[in-house]
Amino acid sequence: MAASIDQVKDVTSLGDPPLTVITAGMPNLPPFIDGGIRKRLVDSWLESQLALAGLSSVAVHIAAEESGHCVQCDQPKLVADSILRNVARARNR
């Protein structure tokens, strides 16, 4: 695992591959987590999702507003449409 982390920790760009990052719009955090900590966790997760999208110069970030953690379960059409768009983008490169 450490070797894998070393391989990717300095990556700042993947170039221009079609990339879509879909972020859950309704994070399902346990109710016992303090509100302040909950906000920090959600903000940190969004920051990491935006950083992931930032690795491709042509990335698209989508907030799945009606989804919890399992976006493909909550909004399968959103996920399927995103995959089809990425395939089309890859073919048109």
Protein backbone atom coordinates (compact mmCIF):
# COMPACT_ATOMS: atom_id res chain seq x y z
CA MET A 1 0.00 0.00 0.00
CA ALA A 2 2.80 2.43 0.85
CA ALA A 3 4.33 1.87 -2.58
CA SER A 4 1.00 2.70 -4.23
CA ILE A 5 0.67 5.88 -2.21
CA ASP A 6 4.22 6.89 -3.18
CA GLN A 7 3.37 6.37 -6.87
CA VAL A 8 0.39 8.69 -6.88
CA LYS A 9 1.00 11.28 -4.17
CA ASP A 10 2.78 13.71 -6.49
CA VAL A 11 0.41 13.36 -9.46
CA THR A 12 -1.01 16.76 -10.34
CA SER A 13 -2.47 16.01 -13.77
CA LEU A 14 -3.78 13.11 -15.80
CA GLY A 15 -3.84 15.22 -18.94
CA ASP A 16 -7.13 15.39 -20.80
CA PRO A 17 -8.96 12.09 -20.47
CA PRO A 18 -12.75 12.33 -20.23
CA LEU A 19 -13.49 12.24 -16.52
CA THR A 20 -16.71 12.71 -14.62
CA VAL A 21 -16.74 12.92 -10.84
CA ILE A 22 -20.18 12.50 -9.31
CA THR A 23 -20.54 13.64 -5.72
CA ALA A 24 -23.41 12.68 -3.44
CA GLY A 25 -25.57 15.67 -2.69
CA MET A 26 -26.99 14.20 0.51
CA PRO A 27 -24.10 12.70 2.49
CA ASN A 28 -25.30 9.98 4.86
CA LEU A 29 -23.28 10.53 7.98
CA PRO A 30 -24.35 8.88 11.23
CA PRO A 31 -26.59 11.14 13.31
CA PHE A 32 -24.35 10.86 16.36
CA ILE A 33 -21.59 12.86 14.65
CA ASP A 34 -21.40 16.41 16.02
CA GLY A 35 -22.79 19.06 13.65
CA GLY A 36 -19.50 20.95 13.44
CA ILE A 37 -17.55 17.81 12.68
CA ARG A 38 -20.22 16.75 10.20
CA LYS A 39 -19.79 20.02 8.30
CA ARG A 40 -16.00 19.64 8.25
CA LEU A 41 -16.29 16.08 6.95
CA VAL A 42 -18.73 17.08 4.20
CA ASP A 43 -16.60 20.09 3.21
CA SER A 44 -13.45 17.96 3.17
CA TRP A 45 -15.14 15.30 1.03
CA LEU A 46 -16.32 17.91 -1.48
CA GLU A 47 -12.83 19.41 -1.60
CA SER A 48 -11.35 15.99 -2.38
CA GLN A 49 -13.96 15.38 -5.10
CA LEU A 50 -13.15 18.73 -6.73
CA ALA A 51 -9.42 17.95 -6.52
CA LEU A 52 -10.06 14.62 -8.23
CA ALA A 53 -11.96 16.37 -11.01
CA GLY A 54 -9.10 18.84 -11.28
CA LEU A 55 -6.75 16.07 -12.41
CA SER A 56 -8.23 16.13 -15.92
CA SER A 57 -8.28 19.32 -17.94
CA VAL A 58 -11.67 18.32 -19.38
CA ALA A 59 -13.29 16.92 -16.25
CA VAL A 60 -16.92 17.41 -15.34
CA HIS A 61 -18.07 17.53 -11.73
CA ILE A 62 -21.70 16.69 -11.01
CA ALA A 63 -23.43 17.10 -7.67
CA ALA A 64 -26.03 14.33 -7.41
CA GLU A 65 -28.45 16.41 -5.36
CA GLU A 66 -30.91 13.57 -4.78
CA SER A 67 -28.34 10.94 -3.79
CA GLY A 68 -26.61 9.68 -0.72
CA HIS A 69 -23.40 7.66 -0.85
CA CYS A 70 -24.78 5.14 -3.36
CA VAL A 71 -25.36 7.48 -6.30
CA GLN A 72 -25.75 4.57 -8.72
CA CYS A 73 -28.58 3.25 -6.50
CA ASP A 74 -30.30 6.59 -5.92
CA GLN A 75 -29.88 8.15 -9.36
CA PRO A 76 -28.96 5.37 -11.83
CA LYS A 77 -29.97 7.42 -14.88
CA LEU A 78 -27.55 10.19 -13.88
CA VAL A 79 -24.72 7.65 -13.66
CA ALA A 80 -25.66 5.89 -16.92
CA ASP A 81 -25.95 9.19 -18.80
CA SER A 82 -22.56 10.29 -17.44
CA ILE A 83 -20.96 7.07 -18.65
CA LEU A 84 -22.49 7.47 -22.10
CA ARG A 85 -21.27 11.09 -22.29
CA ASN A 86 -17.75 9.99 -21.34
CA VAL A 87 -17.77 7.27 -23.99
CA ALA A 88 -18.90 9.80 -26.59
CA ARG A 89 -16.24 12.27 -25.45
CA ALA A 90 -13.56 9.56 -25.69
CA ARG A 91 -14.67 8.54 -29.18
CA ASN A 92 -14.63 12.14 -30.40
CA ARG A 93 -11.10 12.88 -29.23
